[in-house]
Amino acid sequence: MSLEARTGRLRQRYDEDNFRLVSGCIPYRLTKDAEDQNENIVNKMEVLMVSSPNRSDLVFPKGGWENDETVVEAASREAFEEAGVKGILNENPLGVWEFWSKSRPDLHSLEGGCRGYMFALKVTEELEIWPEQENRYRKWLNIKDAFQLCRYEWMREALEEFLTVMAEERKIVEIEEEIVETLSMPPVSEVIAECQIMTSNCGVTTTSSPHHSISALSSFHWQISPLKRLPLS
């Protein structure tokens, strides 16, 4: 990517309602104790926010979606230009929010209206030099502080949705791990054969009858976790 930020609105996209289309993201990283399964998801990550020019409050990286890029590419570009980070973008948007430009806050007019798409970006690279570093500073924050310092209500709503998505993804990972663990267990026939060998070594007389073989295992308690059904959508 170029170290020069895009300026102007010659390529700016607008929808049929003349809303300016905007794309942005919530950059995040996992904390050191992220592997602790008992730790609350809120305490396991930090999000990156940036200042606006000539202001002290903070926002998530966002900007105009232009006609030579996809909405996903626009979100990644804004993260690079405003915050100097790159990473893995979840291409499923957190949601779409309507808001009004701070320069044209008239809620009774469509002029100045924006429609913003927000995504989650897992940061894998944090650059020391980035296009807008002269006009912005960046700051990693815990979730609680991010809620308090975020300038816009719609961005706080996006952060709430972000936490919901992160919690759901964590549950899916846990389910997948449980499925893998279950599938890696040896077949029941192998378990029975091994137990028959164990009982014979202990001086227990076995019989060829399958019913007796199974009853000989009654003293062993086997517990296989049931597979959980994944949501269809």
C-alpha atoms as a PDB file:
ATOM      1  CA  MET A   1       0.000   0.000   0.000  1.00  0.00           C
ATOM      2  CA  SER A   2       1.087   3.577  -0.647  1.00  0.00           C
ATOM      3  CA  LEU A   3       2.092   5.695   2.352  1.00  0.00           C
ATOM      4  CA  GLU A   4      -0.037   8.519   0.958  1.00  0.00           C
ATOM      5  CA  ALA A   5      -3.657   8.610   2.139  1.00  0.00           C
ATOM      6  CA  ARG A   6      -6.468   9.079  -0.332  1.00  0.00           C
ATOM      7  CA  THR A   7      -8.103  12.495  -0.228  1.00  0.00           C
ATOM      8  CA  GLY A   8     -11.156  14.064  -1.844  1.00  0.00           C
ATOM      9  CA  ARG A   9     -14.399  12.455  -2.917  1.00  0.00           C
ATOM     10  CA  LEU A  10     -14.010  12.056  -6.670  1.00  0.00           C
ATOM     11  CA  ARG A  11     -14.403   8.272  -6.365  1.00  0.00           C
ATOM     12  CA  GLN A  12     -16.867   8.329  -3.465  1.00  0.00           C
ATOM     13  CA  ARG A  13     -19.778   5.894  -3.631  1.00  0.00           C
ATOM     14  CA  TYR A  14     -23.352   6.952  -2.853  1.00  0.00           C
ATOM     15  CA  ASP A  15     -26.461   4.789  -2.671  1.00  0.00           C
ATOM     16  CA  GLU A  16     -29.862   5.385  -4.224  1.00  0.00           C
ATOM     17  CA  ASP A  17     -30.884   7.546  -1.237  1.00  0.00           C
ATOM     18  CA  ASN A  18     -27.813   9.749  -1.764  1.00  0.00           C
ATOM     19  CA  PHE A  19     -26.247   8.448   1.439  1.00  0.00           C
ATOM     20  CA  ARG A  20     -22.461   8.543   1.388  1.00  0.00           C
ATOM     21  CA  LEU A  21     -21.182   4.966   1.759  1.00  0.00           C
ATOM     22  CA  VAL A  22     -18.562   4.492   4.461  1.00  0.00           C
ATOM     23  CA  SER A  23     -16.516   1.464   5.478  1.00  0.00           C
ATOM     24  CA  GLY A  24     -14.576   0.892   8.676  1.00  0.00           C
ATOM     25  CA  CYS A  25     -13.446  -1.708  11.168  1.00  0.00           C
ATOM     26  CA  ILE A  26     -12.737  -2.506  14.795  1.00  0.00           C
ATOM     27  CA  PRO A  27      -9.088  -3.613  14.985  1.00  0.00           C
ATOM     28  CA  TYR A  28      -8.441  -6.013  17.863  1.00  0.00           C
ATOM     29  CA  ARG A  29      -5.795  -8.223  19.423  1.00  0.00           C
ATOM     30  CA  LEU A  30      -5.892 -10.942  22.058  1.00  0.00           C
ATOM     31  CA  THR A  31      -4.279 -10.330  25.425  1.00  0.00           C
ATOM     32  CA  LYS A  32      -1.625 -12.536  27.009  1.00  0.00           C
ATOM     33  CA  ASP A  33      -4.160 -14.452  29.097  1.00  0.00           C
ATOM     34  CA  ALA A  34      -6.376 -15.182  26.071  1.00  0.00           C
ATOM     35  CA  GLU A  35      -5.777 -18.928  26.378  1.00  0.00           C
ATOM     36  CA  ASP A  36      -7.536 -19.005  29.733  1.00  0.00           C
ATOM     37  CA  GLN A  37     -10.878 -20.580  28.822  1.00  0.00           C
ATOM     38  CA  ASN A  38     -12.450 -19.350  32.049  1.00  0.00           C
ATOM     39  CA  GLU A  39     -11.617 -15.724  31.339  1.00  0.00           C
ATOM     40  CA  ASN A  40     -14.501 -13.532  30.172  1.00  0.00           C
ATOM     41  CA  ILE A  41     -14.280 -12.592  26.482  1.00  0.00           C
ATOM     42  CA  VAL A  42     -14.421  -8.895  27.433  1.00  0.00           C
ATOM     43  CA  ASN A  43     -11.195  -9.260  29.409  1.00  0.00           C
ATOM     44  CA  LYS A  44      -9.379 -11.246  26.731  1.00  0.00           C
ATOM     45  CA  MET A  45      -8.872  -8.593  24.075  1.00  0.00           C
ATOM     46  CA  GLU A  46      -8.038  -4.991  23.313  1.00  0.00           C
ATOM     47  CA  VAL A  47      -9.324  -2.790  20.499  1.00  0.00           C
ATOM     48  CA  LEU A  48      -7.454  -0.059  18.650  1.00  0.00           C
ATOM     49  CA  MET A  49      -8.902   3.431  18.350  1.00  0.00           C
ATOM     50  CA  VAL A  50      -7.610   6.593  16.707  1.00  0.00           C
ATOM     51  CA  SER A  51      -8.060  10.292  17.305  1.00  0.00           C
ATOM     52  CA  SER A  52      -9.653  12.641  14.795  1.00  0.00           C
ATOM     53  CA  PRO A  53      -7.724  15.698  13.599  1.00  0.00           C
ATOM     54  CA  ASN A  54      -7.895  18.519  16.159  1.00  0.00           C
ATOM     55  CA  ARG A  55      -9.969  16.436  18.600  1.00  0.00           C
ATOM     56  CA  SER A  56      -9.103  14.403  21.673  1.00  0.00           C
ATOM     57  CA  ASP A  57     -11.927  11.848  21.634  1.00  0.00           C
ATOM     58  CA  LEU A  58     -11.512   8.548  19.841  1.00  0.00           C
ATOM     59  CA  VAL A  59     -13.107   6.605  16.982  1.00  0.00           C
ATOM     60  CA  PHE A  60     -12.563   3.392  15.063  1.00  0.00           C
ATOM     61  CA  PRO A  61     -10.886   3.688  11.642  1.00  0.00           C
ATOM     62  CA  LYS A  62     -13.405   4.465   8.910  1.00  0.00           C
ATOM     63  CA  GLY A  63     -13.739   6.437   5.708  1.00  0.00           C
ATOM     64  CA  GLY A  64     -15.403   6.714   2.341  1.00  0.00           C
ATOM     65  CA  TRP A  65     -15.960   3.590   0.270  1.00  0.00           C
ATOM     66  CA  GLU A  66     -14.703   4.404  -3.220  1.00  0.00           C
ATOM     67  CA  ASN A  67     -15.811   3.084  -6.605  1.00  0.00           C
ATOM     68  CA  ASP A  68     -12.568   1.250  -7.426  1.00  0.00           C
ATOM     69  CA  GLU A  69     -12.636  -1.047  -4.376  1.00  0.00           C
ATOM     70  CA  THR A  70     -14.893  -3.441  -2.517  1.00  0.00           C
ATOM     71  CA  VAL A  71     -16.338  -2.557   0.858  1.00  0.00           C
ATOM     72  CA  VAL A  72     -13.895  -5.024   2.458  1.00  0.00           C
ATOM     73  CA  GLU A  73     -10.933  -3.439   0.675  1.00  0.00           C
ATOM     74  CA  ALA A  74     -12.111  -0.012   1.821  1.00  0.00           C
ATOM     75  CA  ALA A  75     -12.223  -1.132   5.474  1.00  0.00           C
ATOM     76  CA  SER A  76      -8.707  -2.588   5.267  1.00  0.00           C
ATOM     77  CA  ARG A  77      -7.389   0.548   3.552  1.00  0.00           C
ATOM     78  CA  GLU A  78      -8.851   2.827   6.217  1.00  0.00           C
ATOM     79  CA  ALA A  79      -7.291   0.705   8.975  1.00  0.00           C
ATOM     80  CA  PHE A  80      -3.918   1.099   7.272  1.00  0.00           C
ATOM     81  CA  GLU A  81      -4.239   4.821   6.506  1.00  0.00           C
ATOM     82  CA  GLU A  82      -5.684   5.984   9.826  1.00  0.00           C
ATOM     83  CA  ALA A  83      -4.279   3.464  12.326  1.00  0.00           C
ATOM     84  CA  GLY A  84      -1.271   1.931  10.600  1.00  0.00           C
ATOM     85  CA  VAL A  85      -2.372  -1.680  11.079  1.00  0.00           C
ATOM     86  CA  LYS A  86      -2.922  -4.677   8.825  1.00  0.00           C
ATOM     87  CA  GLY A  87      -4.555  -7.977   9.583  1.00  0.00           C
ATOM     88  CA  ILE A  88      -7.238 -10.545   8.903  1.00  0.00           C
ATOM     89  CA  LEU A  89     -10.613  -8.963   8.176  1.00  0.00           C
ATOM     90  CA  ASN A  90     -13.781 -10.922   8.892  1.00  0.00           C
ATOM     91  CA  GLU A  91     -15.695 -10.299   5.669  1.00  0.00           C
ATOM     92  CA  ASN A  92     -19.078 -10.682   7.366  1.00  0.00           C
ATOM     93  CA  PRO A  93     -20.010  -7.134   8.417  1.00  0.00           C
ATOM     94  CA  LEU A  94     -20.880  -6.447  12.035  1.00  0.00           C
ATOM     95  CA  GLY A  95     -23.768  -4.395  10.701  1.00  0.00           C
ATOM     96  CA  VAL A  96     -24.728  -1.263   8.806  1.00  0.00           C
ATOM     97  CA  TRP A  97     -25.402   2.020  10.583  1.00  0.00           C
ATOM     98  CA  GLU A  98     -26.815   5.341   9.391  1.00  0.00           C
ATOM     99  CA  PHE A  99     -25.408   8.547  10.784  1.00  0.00           C
ATOM    100  CA  TRP A 100     -24.828  12.145   9.798  1.00  0.00           C
ATOM    101  CA  SER A 101     -21.542  13.797   9.005  1.00  0.00           C
ATOM    102  CA  LYS A 102     -20.206  16.014  11.792  1.00  0.00           C
ATOM    103  CA  SER A 103     -19.877  18.798   9.227  1.00  0.00           C
ATOM    104  CA  ARG A 104     -23.547  18.467   8.210  1.00  0.00           C
ATOM    105  CA  PRO A 105     -25.469  17.253  11.264  1.00  0.00           C
ATOM    106  CA  ASP A 106     -28.957  18.201  10.009  1.00  0.00           C
ATOM    107  CA  LEU A 107     -31.067  15.121  10.816  1.00  0.00           C
ATOM    108  CA  HIS A 108     -33.951  16.441   8.720  1.00  0.00           C
ATOM    109  CA  SER A 109     -31.938  16.486   5.498  1.00  0.00           C
ATOM    110  CA  LEU A 110     -30.443  13.592   3.531  1.00  0.00           C
ATOM    111  CA  GLU A 111     -27.504  15.818   2.655  1.00  0.00           C
ATOM    112  CA  GLY A 112     -24.615  14.746   4.855  1.00  0.00           C
ATOM    113  CA  GLY A 113     -26.184  11.374   5.578  1.00  0.00           C
ATOM    114  CA  CYS A 114     -23.823   8.391   5.726  1.00  0.00           C
ATOM    115  CA  ARG A 115     -24.349   4.646   5.689  1.00  0.00           C
ATOM    116  CA  GLY A 116     -21.466   2.861   7.363  1.00  0.00           C
ATOM    117  CA  TYR A 117     -20.392  -0.795   7.153  1.00  0.00           C
ATOM    118  CA  MET A 118     -18.251  -2.030  10.046  1.00  0.00           C
ATOM    119  CA  PHE A 119     -16.056  -5.135  10.239  1.00  0.00           C
ATOM    120  CA  ALA A 120     -13.811  -6.899  12.742  1.00  0.00           C
ATOM    121  CA  LEU A 121     -10.080  -6.862  11.948  1.00  0.00           C
ATOM    122  CA  LYS A 122      -7.665  -9.176  13.779  1.00  0.00           C
ATOM    123  CA  VAL A 123      -4.408  -7.218  13.772  1.00  0.00           C
ATOM    124  CA  THR A 124      -1.325  -9.136  12.658  1.00  0.00           C
ATOM    125  CA  GLU A 125       0.976  -6.204  11.857  1.00  0.00           C
ATOM    126  CA  GLU A 126       1.375  -2.804  13.506  1.00  0.00           C
ATOM    127  CA  LEU A 127       3.420  -0.358  11.431  1.00  0.00           C
ATOM    128  CA  GLU A 128       5.707   2.322  12.817  1.00  0.00           C
ATOM    129  CA  ILE A 129       5.005   4.624   9.868  1.00  0.00           C
ATOM    130  CA  TRP A 130       1.571   5.118   8.301  1.00  0.00           C
ATOM    131  CA  PRO A 131      -0.095   7.737   6.075  1.00  0.00           C
ATOM    132  CA  GLU A 132      -2.065   9.762   8.652  1.00  0.00           C
ATOM    133  CA  GLN A 133       0.244   9.530  11.656  1.00  0.00           C
ATOM    134  CA  GLU A 134       0.866  13.293  11.603  1.00  0.00           C
ATOM    135  CA  ASN A 135      -2.828  14.020  12.202  1.00  0.00           C
ATOM    136  CA  ARG A 136      -3.862  11.065  14.366  1.00  0.00           C
ATOM    137  CA  TYR A 137      -2.607   9.062  17.304  1.00  0.00           C
ATOM    138  CA  ARG A 138      -3.652   5.503  17.994  1.00  0.00           C
ATOM    139  CA  LYS A 139      -4.317   3.790  21.300  1.00  0.00           C
ATOM    140  CA  TRP A 140      -4.977   0.207  22.404  1.00  0.00           C
ATOM    141  CA  LEU A 141      -7.809   0.060  24.925  1.00  0.00           C
ATOM    142  CA  ASN A 142      -9.642  -2.539  26.939  1.00  0.00           C
ATOM    143  CA  ILE A 143     -13.298  -2.907  26.062  1.00  0.00           C
ATOM    144  CA  LYS A 144     -14.591  -0.924  29.039  1.00  0.00           C
ATOM    145  CA  ASP A 145     -12.415   2.101  28.261  1.00  0.00           C
ATOM    146  CA  ALA A 146     -13.289   1.873  24.558  1.00  0.00           C
ATOM    147  CA  PHE A 147     -16.989   2.203  25.381  1.00  0.00           C
ATOM    148  CA  GLN A 148     -16.323   5.247  27.544  1.00  0.00           C
ATOM    149  CA  LEU A 149     -14.042   7.061  25.095  1.00  0.00           C
ATOM    150  CA  CYS A 150     -15.873   6.282  21.841  1.00  0.00           C
ATOM    151  CA  ARG A 151     -17.317   9.488  20.413  1.00  0.00           C
ATOM    152  CA  TYR A 152     -20.355   8.193  18.539  1.00  0.00           C
ATOM    153  CA  GLU A 153     -23.320   6.176  19.758  1.00  0.00           C
ATOM    154  CA  TRP A 154     -23.459   4.165  16.531  1.00  0.00           C
ATOM    155  CA  MET A 155     -19.837   3.106  17.036  1.00  0.00           C
ATOM    156  CA  ARG A 156     -20.651   1.935  20.548  1.00  0.00           C
ATOM    157  CA  GLU A 157     -23.446  -0.157  19.031  1.00  0.00           C
ATOM    158  CA  ALA A 158     -20.916  -1.606  16.566  1.00  0.00           C
ATOM    159  CA  LEU A 159     -18.638  -2.456  19.506  1.00  0.00           C
ATOM    160  CA  GLU A 160     -21.523  -4.265  21.236  1.00  0.00           C
ATOM    161  CA  GLU A 161     -22.133  -6.303  18.078  1.00  0.00           C
ATOM    162  CA  PHE A 162     -18.397  -6.996  17.858  1.00  0.00           C
ATOM    163  CA  LEU A 163     -18.439  -8.531  21.345  1.00  0.00           C
ATOM    164  CA  THR A 164     -21.431 -10.697  20.410  1.00  0.00           C
ATOM    165  CA  VAL A 165     -19.641 -12.000  17.308  1.00  0.00           C
ATOM    166  CA  MET A 166     -16.438 -12.700  19.244  1.00  0.00           C
ATOM    167  CA  ALA A 167     -18.350 -14.663  21.906  1.00  0.00           C
ATOM    168  CA  GLU A 168     -20.129 -16.745  19.242  1.00  0.00           C
ATOM    169  CA  GLU A 169     -16.855 -17.497  17.450  1.00  0.00           C
ATOM    170  CA  ARG A 170     -15.327 -18.652  20.722  1.00  0.00           C
ATOM    171  CA  LYS A 171     -18.234 -21.065  21.266  1.00  0.00           C
ATOM    172  CA  ILE A 172     -17.834 -22.458  17.741  1.00  0.00           C
ATOM    173  CA  VAL A 173     -14.115 -23.083  18.328  1.00  0.00           C
ATOM    174  CA  GLU A 174     -14.875 -24.898  21.583  1.00  0.00           C
ATOM    175  CA  ILE A 175     -17.486 -27.078  19.833  1.00  0.00           C
ATOM    176  CA  GLU A 176     -15.069 -27.894  17.006  1.00  0.00           C
ATOM    177  CA  GLU A 177     -12.385 -28.866  19.510  1.00  0.00           C
ATOM    178  CA  GLU A 178     -14.851 -31.117  21.302  1.00  0.00           C
ATOM    179  CA  ILE A 179     -15.855 -32.793  18.033  1.00  0.00           C
ATOM    180  CA  VAL A 180     -12.212 -33.405  17.084  1.00  0.00           C
ATOM    181  CA  GLU A 181     -11.526 -34.864  20.516  1.00  0.00           C
ATOM    182  CA  THR A 182     -14.545 -37.151  20.249  1.00  0.00           C
ATOM    183  CA  LEU A 183     -13.679 -38.338  16.732  1.00  0.00           C
ATOM    184  CA  SER A 184     -10.099 -39.074  17.804  1.00  0.00           C
ATOM    185  CA  MET A 185     -11.298 -41.653  20.352  1.00  0.00           C
ATOM    186  CA  PRO A 186     -10.602 -45.293  19.377  1.00  0.00           C
ATOM    187  CA  PRO A 187     -13.470 -47.365  17.933  1.00  0.00           C
ATOM    188  CA  VAL A 188     -15.651 -49.154  20.502  1.00  0.00           C
ATOM    189  CA  SER A 189     -14.506 -52.566  19.151  1.00  0.00           C
ATOM    190  CA  GLU A 190     -10.891 -51.703  19.948  1.00  0.00           C
ATOM    191  CA  VAL A 191     -11.847 -50.541  23.427  1.00  0.00           C
ATOM    192  CA  ILE A 192     -13.713 -53.828  24.109  1.00  0.00           C
ATOM    193  CA  ALA A 193     -10.780 -55.903  22.819  1.00  0.00           C
ATOM    194  CA  GLU A 194      -8.339 -53.992  24.999  1.00  0.00           C
ATOM    195  CA  CYS A 195     -10.544 -54.453  28.061  1.00  0.00           C
ATOM    196  CA  GLN A 196     -10.819 -58.204  27.367  1.00  0.00           C
ATOM    197  CA  ILE A 197      -7.037 -58.416  27.379  1.00  0.00           C
ATOM    198  CA  MET A 198      -6.910 -56.471  30.635  1.00  0.00           C
ATOM    199  CA  THR A 199      -9.416 -58.787  32.339  1.00  0.00           C
ATOM    200  CA  SER A 200      -7.622 -61.919  31.096  1.00  0.00           C
ATOM    201  CA  ASN A 201      -4.366 -60.642  32.522  1.00  0.00           C
ATOM    202  CA  CYS A 202      -6.109 -60.161  35.844  1.00  0.00           C
ATOM    203  CA  GLY A 203      -7.198 -63.833  35.946  1.00  0.00           C
ATOM    204  CA  VAL A 204     -10.795 -63.173  34.896  1.00  0.00           C
ATOM    205  CA  THR A 205     -12.253 -65.924  32.701  1.00  0.00           C
ATOM    206  CA  THR A 206     -13.825 -64.575  29.508  1.00  0.00           C
ATOM    207  CA  THR A 207     -16.282 -66.250  27.167  1.00  0.00           C
ATOM    208  CA  SER A 208     -16.774 -66.059  23.413  1.00  0.00           C
ATOM    209  CA  SER A 209     -20.344 -64.924  23.883  1.00  0.00           C
ATOM    210  CA  PRO A 210     -20.626 -61.240  22.880  1.00  0.00           C
ATOM    211  CA  HIS A 211     -23.235 -60.734  25.600  1.00  0.00           C
ATOM    212  CA  HIS A 212     -20.840 -61.967  28.262  1.00  0.00           C
ATOM    213  CA  SER A 213     -18.052 -59.900  26.771  1.00  0.00           C
ATOM    214  CA  ILE A 214     -20.128 -56.754  27.057  1.00  0.00           C
ATOM    215  CA  SER A 215     -21.309 -57.608  30.567  1.00  0.00           C
ATOM    216  CA  ALA A 216     -17.699 -58.035  31.608  1.00  0.00           C
ATOM    217  CA  LEU A 217     -17.255 -54.366  30.880  1.00  0.00           C
ATOM    218  CA  SER A 218     -20.028 -53.282  33.217  1.00  0.00           C
ATOM    219  CA  SER A 219     -17.496 -52.194  35.804  1.00  0.00           C
ATOM    220  CA  PHE A 220     -15.961 -49.731  33.367  1.00  0.00           C
ATOM    221  CA  HIS A 221     -17.641 -46.347  32.963  1.00  0.00           C
ATOM    222  CA  TRP A 222     -17.208 -44.759  29.563  1.00  0.00           C
ATOM    223  CA  GLN A 223     -18.456 -41.273  28.863  1.00  0.00           C
ATOM    224  CA  ILE A 224     -18.502 -39.889  25.334  1.00  0.00           C
ATOM    225  CA  SER A 225     -19.601 -36.271  25.045  1.00  0.00           C
ATOM    226  CA  PRO A 226     -22.545 -35.931  22.632  1.00  0.00           C
ATOM    227  CA  LEU A 227     -21.999 -33.894  19.489  1.00  0.00           C
ATOM    228  CA  LYS A 228     -23.575 -30.493  19.680  1.00  0.00           C
ATOM    229  CA  ARG A 229     -25.629 -29.337  16.742  1.00  0.00           C
ATOM    230  CA  LEU A 230     -24.188 -26.345  14.941  1.00  0.00           C
ATOM    231  CA  PRO A 231     -26.634 -23.610  13.899  1.00  0.00           C
ATOM    232  CA  LEU A 232     -27.683 -23.743  10.269  1.00  0.00           C
ATOM    233  CA  SER A 233     -27.242 -20.030   9.808  1.00  0.00           C
END
